[in-house]
Full PDB file with SEQRES, HELIX, SHEET, SSBOND, CRYST1, ORIGX, SCALE, CONECT and MASTER records, all heavy atoms in Angstrom:
SEQRES   1 A   34  ASP PRO GLU ALA PHE ARG ILE LEU VAL PHE THR THR THR          
SEQRES   2 A   34  GLY GLN PHE LEU TYR SER PHE GLY ASP TYR THR THR ILE          
SEQRES   3 A   34  THR LEU ALA GLY GLY VAL ALA VAL                              
HELIX    1 AA1 PRO A    2  ALA A    4  5                                   3    
SHEET    1 AA1 2 ILE A   7  PHE A  10  0                                        
SHEET    2 AA1 2 PHE A  16  PHE A  20 -1                                        
CRYST1    1.000    1.000    1.000  90.00  90.00  90.00 P 1           1          
ORIGX1      1.000000  0.000000  0.000000        0.00000                         
ORIGX2      0.000000  1.000000  0.000000        0.00000                         
ORIGX3      0.000000  0.000000  1.000000        0.00000                         
SCALE1      1.000000  0.000000  0.000000        0.00000                         
SCALE2      0.000000  1.000000  0.000000        0.00000                         
SCALE3      0.000000  0.000000  1.000000        0.00000                         
ATOM      1  N   ASP A   1      31.598-168.847  10.575  1.00  0.00           N  
ATOM      2  CA  ASP A   1      32.804-168.018  10.659  1.00  0.00           C  
ATOM      3  C   ASP A   1      33.724-168.514   9.553  1.00  0.00           C  
ATOM      4  O   ASP A   1      34.608-169.337   9.779  1.00  0.00           O  
ATOM      5  CB  ASP A   1      33.440-168.149  12.043  1.00  0.00           C  
ATOM      6  CG  ASP A   1      34.583-167.162  12.270  1.00  0.00           C  
ATOM      7  OD1 ASP A   1      34.808-166.296  11.397  1.00  0.00           O  
ATOM      8  OD2 ASP A   1      35.247-167.262  13.310  1.00  0.00           O  
ATOM      9  N   PRO A   2      33.475-168.054   8.318  1.00  0.00           N  
ATOM     10  CA  PRO A   2      34.102-168.655   7.141  1.00  0.00           C  
ATOM     11  C   PRO A   2      35.625-168.748   7.168  1.00  0.00           C  
ATOM     12  O   PRO A   2      36.183-169.810   6.900  1.00  0.00           O  
ATOM     13  CB  PRO A   2      33.631-167.761   5.989  1.00  0.00           C  
ATOM     14  CG  PRO A   2      32.382-167.139   6.480  1.00  0.00           C  
ATOM     15  CD  PRO A   2      32.579-166.959   7.950  1.00  0.00           C  
ATOM     16  N   GLU A   3      36.295-167.663   7.502  1.00  0.00           N  
ATOM     17  CA  GLU A   3      37.762-167.678   7.456  1.00  0.00           C  
ATOM     18  C   GLU A   3      38.375-168.502   8.586  1.00  0.00           C  
ATOM     19  O   GLU A   3      39.530-168.890   8.521  1.00  0.00           O  
ATOM     20  CB  GLU A   3      38.333-166.258   7.484  1.00  0.00           C  
ATOM     21  CG  GLU A   3      38.120-165.490   6.198  1.00  0.00           C  
ATOM     22  CD  GLU A   3      36.802-164.725   6.191  1.00  0.00           C  
ATOM     23  OE1 GLU A   3      36.035-164.806   7.167  1.00  0.00           O  
ATOM     24  OE2 GLU A   3      36.537-164.050   5.187  1.00  0.00           O  
ATOM     25  N   ALA A   4      37.609-168.794   9.631  1.00  0.00           N  
ATOM     26  CA  ALA A   4      38.110-169.611  10.743  1.00  0.00           C  
ATOM     27  C   ALA A   4      37.665-171.063  10.613  1.00  0.00           C  
ATOM     28  O   ALA A   4      37.897-171.856  11.522  1.00  0.00           O  
ATOM     29  CB  ALA A   4      37.656-169.029  12.079  1.00  0.00           C  
ATOM     30  N   PHE A   5      37.003-171.411   9.502  1.00  0.00           N  
ATOM     31  CA  PHE A   5      36.636-172.805   9.202  1.00  0.00           C  
ATOM     32  C   PHE A   5      35.751-173.428  10.282  1.00  0.00           C  
ATOM     33  O   PHE A   5      35.899-174.599  10.613  1.00  0.00           O  
ATOM     34  CB  PHE A   5      37.896-173.671   9.024  1.00  0.00           C  
ATOM     35  CG  PHE A   5      38.974-173.035   8.222  1.00  0.00           C  
ATOM     36  CD1 PHE A   5      40.083-172.474   8.837  1.00  0.00           C  
ATOM     37  CD2 PHE A   5      38.879-172.965   6.840  1.00  0.00           C  
ATOM     38  CE1 PHE A   5      41.096-171.881   8.100  1.00  0.00           C  
ATOM     39  CE2 PHE A   5      39.882-172.367   6.095  1.00  0.00           C  
ATOM     40  CZ  PHE A   5      40.990-171.822   6.722  1.00  0.00           C  
ATOM     41  N   ARG A   6      34.811-172.654  10.833  1.00  0.00           N  
ATOM     42  CA  ARG A   6      34.034-173.170  11.959  1.00  0.00           C  
ATOM     43  C   ARG A   6      32.624-172.597  11.977  1.00  0.00           C  
ATOM     44  O   ARG A   6      32.311-171.634  11.292  1.00  0.00           O  
ATOM     45  CB  ARG A   6      34.727-172.817  13.275  1.00  0.00           C  
ATOM     46  CG  ARG A   6      34.797-171.322  13.508  1.00  0.00           C  
ATOM     47  CD  ARG A   6      35.577-170.952  14.752  1.00  0.00           C  
ATOM     48  NE  ARG A   6      35.640-169.494  14.881  1.00  0.00           N  
ATOM     49  CZ  ARG A   6      36.060-168.861  15.940  1.00  0.00           C  
ATOM     50  NH1 ARG A   6      36.466-169.558  16.991  1.00  0.00           N  
ATOM     51  NH2 ARG A   6      36.086-167.545  15.981  1.00  0.00           N  
ATOM     52  N   ILE A   7      31.818-173.233  12.834  1.00  0.00           N  
ATOM     53  CA  ILE A   7      30.474-172.781  13.134  1.00  0.00           C  
ATOM     54  C   ILE A   7      30.450-172.458  14.624  1.00  0.00           C  
ATOM     55  O   ILE A   7      30.867-173.276  15.451  1.00  0.00           O  
ATOM     56  CB  ILE A   7      29.415-173.862  12.822  1.00  0.00           C  
ATOM     57  CG1 ILE A   7      29.546-174.368  11.384  1.00  0.00           C  
ATOM     58  CG2 ILE A   7      28.009-173.333  13.123  1.00  0.00           C  
ATOM     59  CD1 ILE A   7      29.342-173.332  10.308  1.00  0.00           C  
ATOM     60  N   LEU A   8      29.969-171.278  14.972  1.00  0.00           N  
ATOM     61  CA  LEU A   8      29.829-170.864  16.360  1.00  0.00           C  
ATOM     62  C   LEU A   8      28.383-171.069  16.775  1.00  0.00           C  
ATOM     63  O   LEU A   8      27.468-170.785  16.002  1.00  0.00           O  
ATOM     64  CB  LEU A   8      30.212-169.396  16.517  1.00  0.00           C  
ATOM     65  CG  LEU A   8      31.610-169.031  16.024  1.00  0.00           C  
ATOM     66  CD1 LEU A   8      31.758-167.522  15.938  1.00  0.00           C  
ATOM     67  CD2 LEU A   8      32.653-169.636  16.937  1.00  0.00           C  
ATOM     68  N   VAL A   9      28.173-171.527  18.009  1.00  0.00           N  
ATOM     69  CA  VAL A   9      26.824-171.804  18.481  1.00  0.00           C  
ATOM     70  C   VAL A   9      26.561-170.963  19.728  1.00  0.00           C  
ATOM     71  O   VAL A   9      27.350-170.985  20.680  1.00  0.00           O  
ATOM     72  CB  VAL A   9      26.637-173.302  18.786  1.00  0.00           C  
ATOM     73  CG1 VAL A   9      25.186-173.595  19.160  1.00  0.00           C  
ATOM     74  CG2 VAL A   9      27.068-174.153  17.598  1.00  0.00           C  
ATOM     75  N   PHE A  10      25.434-170.246  19.702  1.00  0.00           N  
ATOM     76  CA  PHE A  10      25.025-169.362  20.792  1.00  0.00           C  
ATOM     77  C   PHE A  10      23.596-169.691  21.206  1.00  0.00           C  
ATOM     78  O   PHE A  10      22.844-170.267  20.428  1.00  0.00           O  
ATOM     79  CB  PHE A  10      25.031-167.889  20.317  1.00  0.00           C  
ATOM     80  CG  PHE A  10      26.369-167.368  19.947  1.00  0.00           C  
ATOM     81  CD1 PHE A  10      26.857-167.528  18.659  1.00  0.00           C  
ATOM     82  CD2 PHE A  10      27.143-166.695  20.876  1.00  0.00           C  
ATOM     83  CE1 PHE A  10      28.104-167.033  18.302  1.00  0.00           C  
ATOM     84  CE2 PHE A  10      28.387-166.201  20.528  1.00  0.00           C  
ATOM     85  CZ  PHE A  10      28.863-166.363  19.251  1.00  0.00           C  
ATOM     86  N   THR A  11      23.217-169.241  22.398  1.00  0.00           N  
ATOM     87  CA  THR A  11      21.800-169.180  22.730  1.00  0.00           C  
ATOM     88  C   THR A  11      21.243-167.985  21.968  1.00  0.00           C  
ATOM     89  O   THR A  11      21.998-167.132  21.487  1.00  0.00           O  
ATOM     90  CB  THR A  11      21.562-168.978  24.235  1.00  0.00           C  
ATOM     91  OG1 THR A  11      22.063-167.680  24.609  1.00  0.00           O  
ATOM     92  CG2 THR A  11      22.227-170.076  25.055  1.00  0.00           C  
ATOM     93  N   THR A  12      19.938-167.868  21.903  1.00  0.00           N  
ATOM     94  CA  THR A  12      19.349-166.733  21.198  1.00  0.00           C  
ATOM     95  C   THR A  12      19.456-165.440  21.998  1.00  0.00           C  
ATOM     96  O   THR A  12      19.080-164.376  21.503  1.00  0.00           O  
ATOM     97  CB  THR A  12      17.881-167.011  20.832  1.00  0.00           C  
ATOM     98  OG1 THR A  12      17.172-167.388  22.007  1.00  0.00           O  
ATOM     99  CG2 THR A  12      17.779-168.095  19.768  1.00  0.00           C  
ATOM    100  N   THR A  13      20.002-165.519  23.210  1.00  0.00           N  
ATOM    101  CA  THR A  13      20.276-164.305  23.980  1.00  0.00           C  
ATOM    102  C   THR A  13      21.749-163.920  23.918  1.00  0.00           C  
ATOM    103  O   THR A  13      22.159-162.958  24.537  1.00  0.00           O  
ATOM    104  CB  THR A  13      19.833-164.454  25.446  1.00  0.00           C  
ATOM    105  OG1 THR A  13      20.505-165.572  26.020  1.00  0.00           O  
ATOM    106  CG2 THR A  13      18.326-164.623  25.544  1.00  0.00           C  
ATOM    107  N   GLY A  14      22.550-164.693  23.173  1.00  0.00           N  
ATOM    108  CA  GLY A  14      23.935-164.320  22.932  1.00  0.00           C  
ATOM    109  C   GLY A  14      24.970-165.037  23.758  1.00  0.00           C  
ATOM    110  O   GLY A  14      26.155-164.724  23.673  1.00  0.00           O  
ATOM    111  N   GLN A  15      24.581-166.026  24.547  1.00  0.00           N  
ATOM    112  CA  GLN A  15      25.563-166.778  25.330  1.00  0.00           C  
ATOM    113  C   GLN A  15      26.252-167.793  24.418  1.00  0.00           C  
ATOM    114  O   GLN A  15      25.594-168.610  23.779  1.00  0.00           O  
ATOM    115  CB  GLN A  15      24.889-167.493  26.498  1.00  0.00           C  
ATOM    116  CG  GLN A  15      25.853-168.349  27.287  1.00  0.00           C  
ATOM    117  CD  GLN A  15      25.141-169.206  28.327  1.00  0.00           C  
ATOM    118  OE1 GLN A  15      23.929-169.140  28.506  1.00  0.00           O  
ATOM    119  NE2 GLN A  15      25.910-170.020  29.012  1.00  0.00           N  
ATOM    120  N   PHE A  16      27.582-167.730  24.387  1.00  0.00           N  
ATOM    121  CA  PHE A  16      28.345-168.684  23.584  1.00  0.00           C  
ATOM    122  C   PHE A  16      28.234-170.066  24.206  1.00  0.00           C  
ATOM    123  O   PHE A  16      28.428-170.228  25.409  1.00  0.00           O  
ATOM    124  CB  PHE A  16      29.817-168.258  23.491  1.00  0.00           C  
ATOM    125  CG  PHE A  16      30.672-169.248  22.767  1.00  0.00           C  
ATOM    126  CD1 PHE A  16      30.630-169.334  21.390  1.00  0.00           C  
ATOM    127  CD2 PHE A  16      31.503-170.110  23.464  1.00  0.00           C  
ATOM    128  CE1 PHE A  16      31.408-170.252  20.705  1.00  0.00           C  
ATOM    129  CE2 PHE A  16      32.284-171.040  22.794  1.00  0.00           C  
ATOM    130  CZ  PHE A  16      32.234-171.108  21.408  1.00  0.00           C  
ATOM    131  N   LEU A  17      27.937-171.078  23.383  1.00  0.00           N  
ATOM    132  CA  LEU A  17      27.826-172.455  23.863  1.00  0.00           C  
ATOM    133  C   LEU A  17      29.022-173.296  23.452  1.00  0.00           C  
ATOM    134  O   LEU A  17      29.665-173.911  24.294  1.00  0.00           O  
ATOM    135  CB  LEU A  17      26.533-173.093  23.346  1.00  0.00           C  
ATOM    136  CG  LEU A  17      25.230-172.443  23.804  1.00  0.00           C  
ATOM    137  CD1 LEU A  17      24.040-173.067  23.084  1.00  0.00           C  
ATOM    138  CD2 LEU A  17      25.094-172.567  25.315  1.00  0.00           C  
ATOM    139  N   TYR A  18      29.317-173.349  22.174  1.00  0.00           N  
ATOM    140  CA  TYR A  18      30.434-174.149  21.671  1.00  0.00           C  
ATOM    141  C   TYR A  18      30.656-173.817  20.201  1.00  0.00           C  
ATOM    142  O   TYR A  18      29.893-173.065  19.604  1.00  0.00           O  
ATOM    143  CB  TYR A  18      30.180-175.654  21.865  1.00  0.00           C  
ATOM    144  CG  TYR A  18      28.987-176.210  21.118  1.00  0.00           C  
ATOM    145  CD1 TYR A  18      29.132-176.785  19.857  1.00  0.00           C  
ATOM    146  CD2 TYR A  18      27.704-176.178  21.673  1.00  0.00           C  
ATOM    147  CE1 TYR A  18      28.044-177.306  19.179  1.00  0.00           C  
ATOM    148  CE2 TYR A  18      26.608-176.702  21.000  1.00  0.00           C  
ATOM    149  CZ  TYR A  18      26.786-177.264  19.748  1.00  0.00           C  
ATOM    150  OH  TYR A  18      25.711-177.776  19.069  1.00  0.00           O  
ATOM    151  N   SER A  19      31.691-174.391  19.637  1.00  0.00           N  
ATOM    152  CA  SER A  19      31.933-174.260  18.202  1.00  0.00           C  
ATOM    153  C   SER A  19      32.324-175.630  17.665  1.00  0.00           C  
ATOM    154  O   SER A  19      32.702-176.520  18.427  1.00  0.00           O  
ATOM    155  CB  SER A  19      33.026-173.229  17.910  1.00  0.00           C  
ATOM    156  OG  SER A  19      34.272-173.674  18.372  1.00  0.00           O  
ATOM    157  N   PHE A  20      32.217-175.794  16.371  1.00  0.00           N  
ATOM    158  CA  PHE A  20      32.691-177.025  15.748  1.00  0.00           C  
ATOM    159  C   PHE A  20      33.238-176.708  14.369  1.00  0.00           C  
ATOM    160  O   PHE A  20      32.910-175.689  13.775  1.00  0.00           O  
ATOM    161  CB  PHE A  20      31.599-178.100  15.701  1.00  0.00           C  
ATOM    162  CG  PHE A  20      30.382-177.739  14.902  1.00  0.00           C  
ATOM    163  CD1 PHE A  20      30.297-178.048  13.547  1.00  0.00           C  
ATOM    164  CD2 PHE A  20      29.299-177.108  15.507  1.00  0.00           C  
ATOM    165  CE1 PHE A  20      29.164-177.726  12.816  1.00  0.00           C  
ATOM    166  CE2 PHE A  20      28.158-176.789  14.783  1.00  0.00           C  
ATOM    167  CZ  PHE A  20      28.094-177.097  13.432  1.00  0.00           C  
ATOM    168  N   GLY A  21      34.094-177.616  13.910  1.00  0.00           N  
ATOM    169  CA  GLY A  21      34.745-177.466  12.619  1.00  0.00           C  
ATOM    170  C   GLY A  21      36.153-176.925  12.770  1.00  0.00           C  
ATOM    171  O   GLY A  21      36.500-176.309  13.781  1.00  0.00           O  
ATOM    172  N   ASP A  22      36.963-177.203  11.782  1.00  0.00           N  
ATOM    173  CA  ASP A  22      38.312-176.662  11.657  1.00  0.00           C  
ATOM    174  C   ASP A  22      38.711-176.796  10.192  1.00  0.00           C  
ATOM    175  O   ASP A  22      37.912-177.252   9.372  1.00  0.00           O  
ATOM    176  CB  ASP A  22      39.302-177.351  12.605  1.00  0.00           C  
ATOM    177  CG  ASP A  22      39.472-178.839  12.334  1.00  0.00           C  
ATOM    178  OD1 ASP A  22      39.414-179.264  11.160  1.00  0.00           O  
ATOM    179  OD2 ASP A  22      39.668-179.589  13.302  1.00  0.00           O  
ATOM    180  N   TYR A  23      39.928-176.415   9.868  1.00  0.00           N  
ATOM    181  CA  TYR A  23      40.333-176.400   8.465  1.00  0.00           C  
ATOM    182  C   TYR A  23      40.366-177.789   7.833  1.00  0.00           C  
ATOM    183  O   TYR A  23      40.373-177.914   6.616  1.00  0.00           O  
ATOM    184  CB  TYR A  23      41.681-175.691   8.300  1.00  0.00           C  
ATOM    185  CG  TYR A  23      42.846-176.467   8.847  1.00  0.00           C  
ATOM    186  CD1 TYR A  23      43.596-177.299   8.028  1.00  0.00           C  
ATOM    187  CD2 TYR A  23      43.206-176.379  10.186  1.00  0.00           C  
ATOM    188  CE1 TYR A  23      44.658-178.027   8.524  1.00  0.00           C  
ATOM    189  CE2 TYR A  23      44.264-177.089  10.697  1.00  0.00           C  
ATOM    190  CZ  TYR A  23      44.987-177.918   9.869  1.00  0.00           C  
ATOM    191  OH  TYR A  23      46.033-178.635  10.372  1.00  0.00           O  
ATOM    192  N   THR A  24      40.360-178.858   8.648  1.00  0.00           N  
ATOM    193  CA  THR A  24      40.362-180.212   8.080  1.00  0.00           C  
ATOM    194  C   THR A  24      38.953-180.704   7.758  1.00  0.00           C  
ATOM    195  O   THR A  24      38.808-181.696   7.050  1.00  0.00           O  
ATOM    196  CB  THR A  24      41.024-181.219   9.029  1.00  0.00           C  
ATOM    197  OG1 THR A  24      40.239-181.343  10.212  1.00  0.00           O  
ATOM    198  CG2 THR A  24      42.445-180.799   9.375  1.00  0.00           C  
ATOM    199  N   THR A  25      37.921-180.027   8.284  1.00  0.00           N  
ATOM    200  CA  THR A  25      36.555-180.494   8.066  1.00  0.00           C  
ATOM    201  C   THR A  25      35.694-179.509   7.275  1.00  0.00           C  
ATOM    202  O   THR A  25      34.815-179.938   6.533  1.00  0.00           O  
ATOM    203  CB  THR A  25      35.857-180.798   9.408  1.00  0.00           C  
ATOM    204  OG1 THR A  25      35.870-179.624  10.219  1.00  0.00           O  
ATOM    205  CG2 THR A  25      36.550-181.928  10.147  1.00  0.00           C  
ATOM    206  N   ILE A  26      35.906-178.215   7.467  1.00  0.00           N  
ATOM    207  CA  ILE A  26      35.125-177.198   6.747  1.00  0.00           C  
ATOM    208  C   ILE A  26      36.098-176.289   6.016  1.00  0.00           C  
ATOM    209  O   ILE A  26      36.836-175.534   6.630  1.00  0.00           O  
ATOM    210  CB  ILE A  26      34.250-176.357   7.708  1.00  0.00           C  
ATOM    211  CG1 ILE A  26      33.276-177.241   8.482  1.00  0.00           C  
ATOM    212  CG2 ILE A  26      33.502-175.286   6.926  1.00  0.00           C  
ATOM    213  CD1 ILE A  26      32.501-176.498   9.564  1.00  0.00           C  
ATOM    214  N   THR A  27      36.104-176.378   4.698  1.00  0.00           N  
ATOM    215  CA  THR A  27      37.014-175.553   3.911  1.00  0.00           C  
ATOM    216  C   THR A  27      36.543-174.101   3.867  1.00  0.00           C  
ATOM    217  O   THR A  27      37.310-173.183   4.099  1.00  0.00           O  
ATOM    218  CB  THR A  27      37.130-176.101   2.475  1.00  0.00           C  
ATOM    219  OG1 THR A  27      37.362-177.509   2.531  1.00  0.00           O  
ATOM    220  CG2 THR A  27      38.257-175.431   1.727  1.00  0.00           C  
ATOM    221  N   LEU A  28      35.254-173.912   3.596  1.00  0.00           N  
ATOM    222  CA  LEU A  28      34.685-172.567   3.551  1.00  0.00           C  
ATOM    223  C   LEU A  28      33.176-172.657   3.790  1.00  0.00           C  
ATOM    224  O   LEU A  28      32.428-173.080   2.911  1.00  0.00           O  
ATOM    225  CB  LEU A  28      34.959-171.901   2.201  1.00  0.00           C  
ATOM    226  CG  LEU A  28      34.450-170.476   2.051  1.00  0.00           C  
ATOM    227  CD1 LEU A  28      35.084-169.552   3.088  1.00  0.00           C  
ATOM    228  CD2 LEU A  28      34.732-169.971   0.657  1.00  0.00           C  
ATOM    229  N   ALA A  29      32.751-172.292   4.988  1.00  0.00           N  
ATOM    230  CA  ALA A  29      31.333-172.368   5.350  1.00  0.00           C  
ATOM    231  C   ALA A  29      30.571-171.268   4.632  1.00  0.00           C  
ATOM    232  O   ALA A  29      30.638-170.105   4.997  1.00  0.00           O  
ATOM    233  CB  ALA A  29      31.164-172.248   6.860  1.00  0.00           C  
ATOM    234  N   GLY A  30      29.837-171.653   3.602  1.00  0.00           N  
ATOM    235  CA  GLY A  30      29.098-170.688   2.801  1.00  0.00           C  
ATOM    236  C   GLY A  30      27.634-170.579   3.161  1.00  0.00           C  
ATOM    237  O   GLY A  30      26.919-169.760   2.606  1.00  0.00           O  
ATOM    238  N   GLY A  31      27.177-171.374   4.100  1.00  0.00           N  
ATOM    239  CA  GLY A  31      25.792-171.320   4.538  1.00  0.00           C  
ATOM    240  C   GLY A  31      25.546-172.348   5.612  1.00  0.00           C  
ATOM    241  O   GLY A  31      26.316-173.297   5.762  1.00  0.00           O  
ATOM    242  N   VAL A  32      24.481-172.144   6.382  1.00  0.00           N  
ATOM    243  CA  VAL A  32      24.124-173.085   7.445  1.00  0.00           C  
ATOM    244  C   VAL A  32      22.609-173.152   7.545  1.00  0.00           C  
ATOM    245  O   VAL A  32      21.915-172.145   7.342  1.00  0.00           O  
ATOM    246  CB  VAL A  32      24.775-172.688   8.791  1.00  0.00           C  
ATOM    247  CG1 VAL A  32      24.293-171.325   9.266  1.00  0.00           C  
ATOM    248  CG2 VAL A  32      24.565-173.746   9.860  1.00  0.00           C  
ATOM    249  N   ALA A  33      22.092-174.342   7.815  1.00  0.00           N  
ATOM    250  CA  ALA A  33      20.657-174.548   7.998  1.00  0.00           C  
ATOM    251  C   ALA A  33      20.460-175.659   9.027  1.00  0.00           C  
ATOM    252  O   ALA A  33      21.355-176.488   9.227  1.00  0.00           O  
ATOM    253  CB  ALA A  33      19.999-174.941   6.679  1.00  0.00           C  
ATOM    254  N   VAL A  34      19.311-175.658   9.679  1.00  0.00           N  
ATOM    255  CA  VAL A  34      18.976-176.711  10.643  1.00  0.00           C  
ATOM    256  C   VAL A  34      17.590-177.253  10.313  1.00  0.00           C  
ATOM    257  O   VAL A  34      16.761-176.547   9.741  1.00  0.00           O  
ATOM    258  CB  VAL A  34      19.016-176.197  12.101  1.00  0.00           C  
ATOM    259  CG1 VAL A  34      20.418-175.811  12.495  1.00  0.00           C  
ATOM    260  CG2 VAL A  34      18.077-175.026  12.301  1.00  0.00           C  
TER     261      VAL A  34                                                      
MASTER        0    0    0    1    2    0    0    6  260    1    0    3          
END                                                                             
């Protein structure tokens, strides 16, 4: 979620689990990999 400085985490069925990051840790999330 680039403009909100965070990563959202869901189950693969769409249940929201948690998020992490804020403007002090992620300036602009341009990609994600695991």
